[in-house]
Amino acid sequence: MEQFRLASRDTHPADTVVQVGQVKLGGKHRAFIAGPCSVESREQVMEIAQAIQGSAQILRGGAYKPRTSPYSFQGLGEEGLRFLQAAGQAVGMPVVAEVVSPEEVDLVSDYVDMLQIGARNMQNYALLKKVGSQDKPVLLKRGFAATIEELLLSAEYIMVSGNHQVVLCERGIRTFNDYTRNTLDLSAVPVLQQLSHLPVIVDPSHGTGQWNLVEPLAKGAMAVGAHGLIIEVHHHPEEALSDGPQSLKPEKYRALVHKLNRLVACLEGDGE
């Protein structure tokens, strides 16, 4: 544990609770993060925010989108951040958005309550050091070819720079399987919780790439002890500018959250 001493449970036995606005993640605190993959317009993100109000605690939305193809939609940039912030304020939810370069950290920090490091940037050490110098909580996603040790070492880069408010996210890894977008490694949740005191959430949207697989994997994530989920939601997935096939419609998302709350209550002995 010496090499990730700050993230290690050996050196910090108690669970860390990360606070995003008024929302807590970690320990006995769970939260759902939901919203569109990309902020496409003020009307779009506002409509989605209103539709998930009460069933999500944190609103997500991408303004800077590192895409595999240079021809794919890259996000609205600062304008998208303004739209996301306005939607969050309208429904009383803190917001999280991805930051993709050290130069944009200060700008993104002005608009969001939580900074996200995406899978492609998990080992962008200059970016990790920069967000480590901020006072904003950080959502750190596991890279699609990263080991658990590498994920924790990336968290260590953030923490050694001064920011200990880190939430880890399992979002699927690349394997020989080609039926789903990624292979969601649910075993990573209890393993990370044994090794580290940091909160762990799961992204079943990117983990599968298919909306009809989000529900069973979300249930599995909560069953193995995840502190929450991050799920993509869109009113018209077939028209989404990014990740439409894995996005849930708001009504399906709300129904899923109802089931998940009942599942957690049963697992904790509070349900029938």
Protein backbone atom coordinates (compact mmCIF):
# COMPACT_ATOMS: atom_id res chain seq x y z
CA MET A 1 0.00 0.00 0.00
CA GLU A 2 3.03 2.25 0.26
CA GLN A 3 2.73 3.55 -3.29
CA PHE A 4 -0.86 4.75 -2.82
CA ARG A 5 -0.52 5.63 0.84
CA LEU A 6 -3.06 8.49 0.86
CA ALA A 7 -5.79 6.46 -0.84
CA SER A 8 -5.06 3.32 1.18
CA ARG A 9 -7.38 2.05 3.87
CA ASP A 10 -4.31 0.91 5.81
CA THR A 11 -3.33 4.52 6.45
CA HIS A 12 -6.91 5.86 6.60
CA PRO A 13 -9.20 3.11 7.99
CA ALA A 14 -12.41 5.19 8.15
CA ASP A 15 -14.52 5.75 5.03
CA THR A 16 -14.11 9.12 3.39
CA VAL A 17 -17.34 11.02 2.78
CA VAL A 18 -17.12 13.41 -0.17
CA GLN A 19 -19.53 16.35 -0.23
CA VAL A 20 -20.75 17.77 -3.55
CA GLY A 21 -22.82 20.83 -2.74
CA GLN A 22 -25.20 19.47 -0.12
CA VAL A 23 -24.92 15.88 -1.42
CA LYS A 24 -22.75 13.31 0.36
CA LEU A 25 -21.05 10.25 -1.16
CA GLY A 26 -19.24 7.57 0.81
CA GLY A 27 -19.65 5.65 4.03
CA LYS A 28 -23.39 5.16 4.49
CA HIS A 29 -24.22 7.92 2.00
CA ARG A 30 -25.32 7.02 -1.53
CA ALA A 31 -26.25 9.26 -4.44
CA PHE A 32 -27.37 9.00 -8.05
CA ILE A 33 -25.80 11.15 -10.74
CA ALA A 34 -27.80 11.50 -13.96
CA GLY A 35 -28.21 13.65 -17.05
CA PRO A 36 -27.29 13.81 -20.71
CA CYS A 37 -23.95 12.66 -22.06
CA SER A 38 -23.62 16.02 -23.83
CA VAL A 39 -25.27 19.35 -23.18
CA GLU A 40 -26.85 20.09 -26.56
CA SER A 41 -28.88 23.21 -25.74
CA ARG A 42 -30.27 25.16 -22.80
CA GLU A 43 -33.74 23.70 -23.41
CA GLN A 44 -32.45 20.13 -23.63
CA VAL A 45 -30.51 20.08 -20.36
CA MET A 46 -33.20 22.04 -18.53
CA GLU A 47 -35.92 19.62 -19.64
CA ILE A 48 -33.87 16.60 -18.55
CA ALA A 49 -32.95 18.21 -15.21
CA GLN A 50 -36.61 18.86 -14.45
CA ALA A 51 -37.54 15.31 -15.45
CA ILE A 52 -35.02 13.66 -13.10
CA GLN A 53 -35.49 16.08 -10.20
CA GLY A 54 -36.20 14.03 -7.11
CA SER A 55 -34.70 10.82 -8.52
CA ALA A 56 -31.14 12.14 -8.94
CA GLN A 57 -29.03 14.11 -6.51
CA ILE A 58 -26.35 15.39 -8.91
CA LEU A 59 -26.84 16.57 -12.50
CA ARG A 60 -24.28 15.55 -15.09
CA GLY A 61 -23.65 16.94 -18.56
CA GLY A 62 -20.70 17.11 -20.91
CA ALA A 63 -19.50 20.44 -22.28
CA TYR A 64 -16.08 19.28 -23.49
CA LYS A 65 -16.25 15.87 -25.15
CA PRO A 66 -13.08 13.95 -26.09
CA ARG A 67 -14.44 11.72 -28.84
CA THR A 68 -12.82 8.82 -30.65
CA SER A 69 -13.56 10.44 -34.01
CA PRO A 70 -12.60 14.06 -34.74
CA TYR A 71 -15.82 14.34 -36.74
CA SER A 72 -18.06 13.56 -33.75
CA PHE A 73 -19.76 16.26 -31.68
CA GLN A 74 -17.15 17.75 -29.34
CA GLY A 75 -19.45 19.69 -27.00
CA LEU A 76 -20.54 23.32 -26.63
CA GLY A 77 -17.63 24.35 -24.43
CA GLU A 78 -18.21 27.23 -22.03
CA GLU A 79 -21.70 27.80 -23.37
CA GLY A 80 -22.58 24.24 -22.39
CA LEU A 81 -21.20 24.85 -18.91
CA ARG A 82 -23.46 27.90 -18.55
CA PHE A 83 -26.49 25.87 -19.62
CA LEU A 84 -25.60 23.06 -17.21
CA GLN A 85 -25.08 25.43 -14.30
CA ALA A 86 -28.39 27.18 -14.98
CA ALA A 87 -30.25 23.85 -15.11
CA GLY A 88 -28.69 22.70 -11.85
CA GLN A 89 -29.59 25.94 -10.11
CA ALA A 90 -33.16 25.77 -11.45
CA VAL A 91 -33.77 22.33 -9.91
CA GLY A 92 -31.53 22.69 -6.86
CA MET A 93 -28.94 20.07 -7.85
CA PRO A 94 -25.14 20.36 -7.85
CA VAL A 95 -23.55 19.66 -11.24
CA VAL A 96 -20.59 17.67 -12.53
CA ALA A 97 -18.85 18.00 -15.89
CA GLU A 98 -15.72 16.58 -17.44
CA VAL A 99 -12.54 18.60 -17.80
CA VAL A 100 -10.12 17.43 -20.49
CA SER A 101 -7.01 19.60 -20.17
CA PRO A 102 -5.11 21.43 -17.41
CA GLU A 103 -5.73 24.74 -19.18
CA GLU A 104 -9.52 24.39 -18.78
CA VAL A 105 -9.61 23.39 -15.10
CA ASP A 106 -10.05 26.90 -13.74
CA LEU A 107 -12.76 27.70 -16.29
CA VAL A 108 -14.75 24.52 -15.65
CA SER A 109 -14.36 24.99 -11.89
CA ASP A 110 -16.17 28.32 -12.14
CA TYR A 111 -19.34 26.56 -13.31
CA VAL A 112 -19.47 23.14 -11.65
CA ASP A 113 -19.59 21.64 -8.18
CA MET A 114 -17.57 18.57 -9.13
CA LEU A 115 -14.85 17.97 -11.73
CA GLN A 116 -14.88 14.74 -13.73
CA ILE A 117 -11.78 13.06 -15.09
CA GLY A 118 -12.86 10.80 -17.93
CA ALA A 119 -11.48 7.36 -18.76
CA ARG A 120 -9.23 8.68 -21.53
CA ASN A 121 -7.58 11.10 -19.10
CA MET A 122 -7.17 8.86 -16.07
CA GLN A 123 -3.41 8.88 -16.59
CA ASN A 124 -3.10 12.48 -17.77
CA TYR A 125 -0.86 13.32 -14.84
CA ALA A 126 -0.61 17.04 -15.57
CA LEU A 127 -4.42 17.20 -15.47
CA LEU A 128 -4.56 15.14 -12.25
CA LYS A 129 -2.10 17.47 -10.55
CA LYS A 130 -4.09 20.50 -11.65
CA VAL A 131 -7.42 19.24 -10.31
CA GLY A 132 -5.52 18.23 -7.19
CA SER A 133 -4.76 21.89 -6.61
CA GLN A 134 -8.47 22.80 -6.69
CA ASP A 135 -10.98 22.70 -3.84
CA LYS A 136 -13.62 20.97 -5.96
CA PRO A 137 -14.47 17.27 -5.46
CA VAL A 138 -13.19 15.04 -8.27
CA LEU A 139 -14.96 12.13 -9.97
CA LEU A 140 -12.17 9.89 -11.28
CA LYS A 141 -13.18 7.30 -13.88
CA ARG A 142 -11.18 4.14 -14.44
CA GLY A 143 -9.46 3.96 -17.81
CA PHE A 144 -10.71 1.25 -20.13
CA ALA A 145 -7.30 -0.47 -20.06
CA ALA A 146 -6.34 0.42 -16.48
CA THR A 147 -5.74 -1.91 -13.56
CA ILE A 148 -7.16 -1.22 -10.13
CA GLU A 149 -3.67 -0.33 -8.93
CA GLU A 150 -3.30 2.22 -11.72
CA LEU A 151 -6.67 3.76 -10.82
CA LEU A 152 -5.60 4.15 -7.20
CA LEU A 153 -2.26 5.63 -8.24
CA SER A 154 -4.14 8.20 -10.34
CA ALA A 155 -6.20 9.05 -7.27
CA GLU A 156 -2.92 9.39 -5.39
CA TYR A 157 -1.73 12.03 -7.89
CA ILE A 158 -4.80 14.11 -7.07
CA MET A 159 -4.52 13.60 -3.33
CA VAL A 160 -0.79 14.26 -3.06
CA SER A 161 -1.47 17.60 -4.76
CA GLY A 162 -3.74 18.54 -1.86
CA ASN A 163 -7.25 17.48 -2.87
CA HIS A 164 -8.53 14.47 -0.90
CA GLN A 165 -12.16 14.74 -2.12
CA VAL A 166 -11.98 11.97 -4.72
CA VAL A 167 -14.73 9.60 -5.84
CA LEU A 168 -13.67 6.53 -7.84
CA CYS A 169 -15.80 5.29 -10.73
CA GLU A 170 -15.83 1.86 -12.33
CA ARG A 171 -17.09 2.30 -15.92
CA GLY A 172 -16.05 -0.87 -17.69
CA ILE A 173 -12.81 -2.12 -19.17
CA ARG A 174 -11.85 -3.38 -22.61
CA THR A 175 -11.75 -7.16 -22.99
CA PHE A 176 -12.07 -9.64 -25.84
CA ASN A 177 -15.87 -9.36 -25.54
CA ASP A 178 -17.37 -7.45 -28.45
CA TYR A 179 -21.08 -7.71 -27.67
CA THR A 180 -21.13 -4.86 -25.17
CA ARG A 181 -19.24 -1.58 -25.38
CA ASN A 182 -17.08 -2.54 -22.39
CA THR A 183 -16.98 -5.26 -19.76
CA LEU A 184 -18.31 -3.80 -16.52
CA ASP A 185 -16.05 -5.03 -13.72
CA LEU A 186 -18.37 -5.15 -10.72
CA SER A 187 -15.73 -7.03 -8.73
CA ALA A 188 -13.75 -3.78 -8.73
CA VAL A 189 -16.25 -2.25 -6.28
CA PRO A 190 -15.59 -4.53 -3.26
CA VAL A 191 -11.90 -4.78 -4.17
CA LEU A 192 -11.53 -0.99 -4.18
CA GLN A 193 -13.50 -0.71 -0.95
CA GLN A 194 -11.17 -3.19 0.71
CA LEU A 195 -8.06 -1.37 -0.53
CA SER A 196 -9.21 2.24 -0.23
CA HIS A 197 -11.34 4.51 1.94
CA LEU A 198 -12.53 6.55 -1.06
CA PRO A 199 -16.17 6.31 -2.26
CA VAL A 200 -16.80 4.06 -5.28
CA ILE A 201 -19.60 4.51 -7.81
CA VAL A 202 -20.44 2.66 -11.04
CA ASP A 203 -21.30 3.80 -14.57
CA PRO A 204 -23.54 1.12 -16.12
CA SER A 205 -24.20 3.31 -19.18
CA HIS A 206 -20.61 3.29 -20.46
CA GLY A 207 -20.09 -0.12 -18.92
CA THR A 208 -22.52 -1.71 -21.37
CA GLY A 209 -23.24 0.81 -24.14
CA GLN A 210 -26.83 -0.46 -24.35
CA TRP A 211 -29.78 1.11 -22.58
CA ASN A 212 -31.52 -2.24 -22.01
CA LEU A 213 -28.52 -3.53 -20.03
CA VAL A 214 -28.28 -0.52 -17.74
CA GLU A 215 -30.95 -1.74 -15.31
CA PRO A 216 -29.53 -5.21 -14.51
CA LEU A 217 -25.98 -3.85 -14.16
CA ALA A 218 -27.20 -0.95 -12.01
CA LYS A 219 -28.91 -3.44 -9.70
CA GLY A 220 -25.73 -5.51 -9.59
CA ALA A 221 -23.66 -2.44 -8.75
CA MET A 222 -25.85 -1.55 -5.78
CA ALA A 223 -25.91 -5.18 -4.66
CA VAL A 224 -22.11 -5.32 -4.44
CA GLY A 225 -22.02 -2.12 -2.38
CA ALA A 226 -21.50 0.81 -4.75
CA HIS A 227 -22.01 4.24 -3.19
CA GLY A 228 -23.99 5.36 -6.21
CA LEU A 229 -24.40 5.35 -9.96
CA ILE A 230 -23.84 7.73 -12.85
CA ILE A 231 -26.42 7.15 -15.60
CA GLU A 232 -27.03 8.89 -18.91
CA VAL A 233 -30.55 10.17 -19.52
CA HIS A 234 -32.00 11.73 -22.68
CA HIS A 235 -35.57 12.53 -23.77
CA HIS A 236 -34.86 11.50 -27.36
CA PRO A 237 -31.94 9.02 -27.37
CA GLU A 238 -32.33 8.39 -31.09
CA GLU A 239 -31.52 12.06 -31.72
CA ALA A 240 -28.76 12.45 -29.12
CA LEU A 241 -25.50 13.95 -30.38
CA SER A 242 -23.51 11.46 -28.31
CA ASP A 243 -24.14 8.07 -26.66
CA GLY A 244 -27.82 7.81 -27.54
CA PRO A 245 -27.88 3.98 -27.59
CA GLN A 246 -26.93 3.78 -23.91
CA SER A 247 -29.18 6.58 -22.63
CA LEU A 248 -32.35 5.94 -20.67
CA LYS A 249 -35.49 7.96 -21.22
CA PRO A 250 -36.49 9.91 -18.09
CA GLU A 251 -39.47 7.70 -17.28
CA LYS A 252 -37.31 4.55 -17.44
CA TYR A 253 -34.68 6.22 -15.30
CA ARG A 254 -37.21 7.21 -12.62
CA ALA A 255 -38.65 3.67 -12.58
CA LEU A 256 -35.14 2.25 -12.22
CA VAL A 257 -34.32 4.50 -9.26
CA HIS A 258 -37.51 3.37 -7.53
CA LYS A 259 -36.44 -0.26 -7.94
CA LEU A 260 -32.90 0.50 -6.77
CA ASN A 261 -34.12 2.22 -3.63
CA ARG A 262 -36.27 -0.81 -2.81
CA LEU A 263 -33.31 -3.11 -3.51
CA VAL A 264 -31.00 -1.19 -1.19
CA ALA A 265 -33.65 -1.14 1.53
CA CYS A 266 -33.97 -4.91 1.30
CA LEU A 267 -30.19 -5.42 1.33
CA GLU A 268 -29.93 -3.30 4.44
CA GLY A 269 -32.78 -5.14 6.12
CA ASP A 270 -35.25 -2.27 5.94
CA GLY A 271 -37.49 -3.77 3.26
CA GLU A 272 -39.58 -6.85 2.79
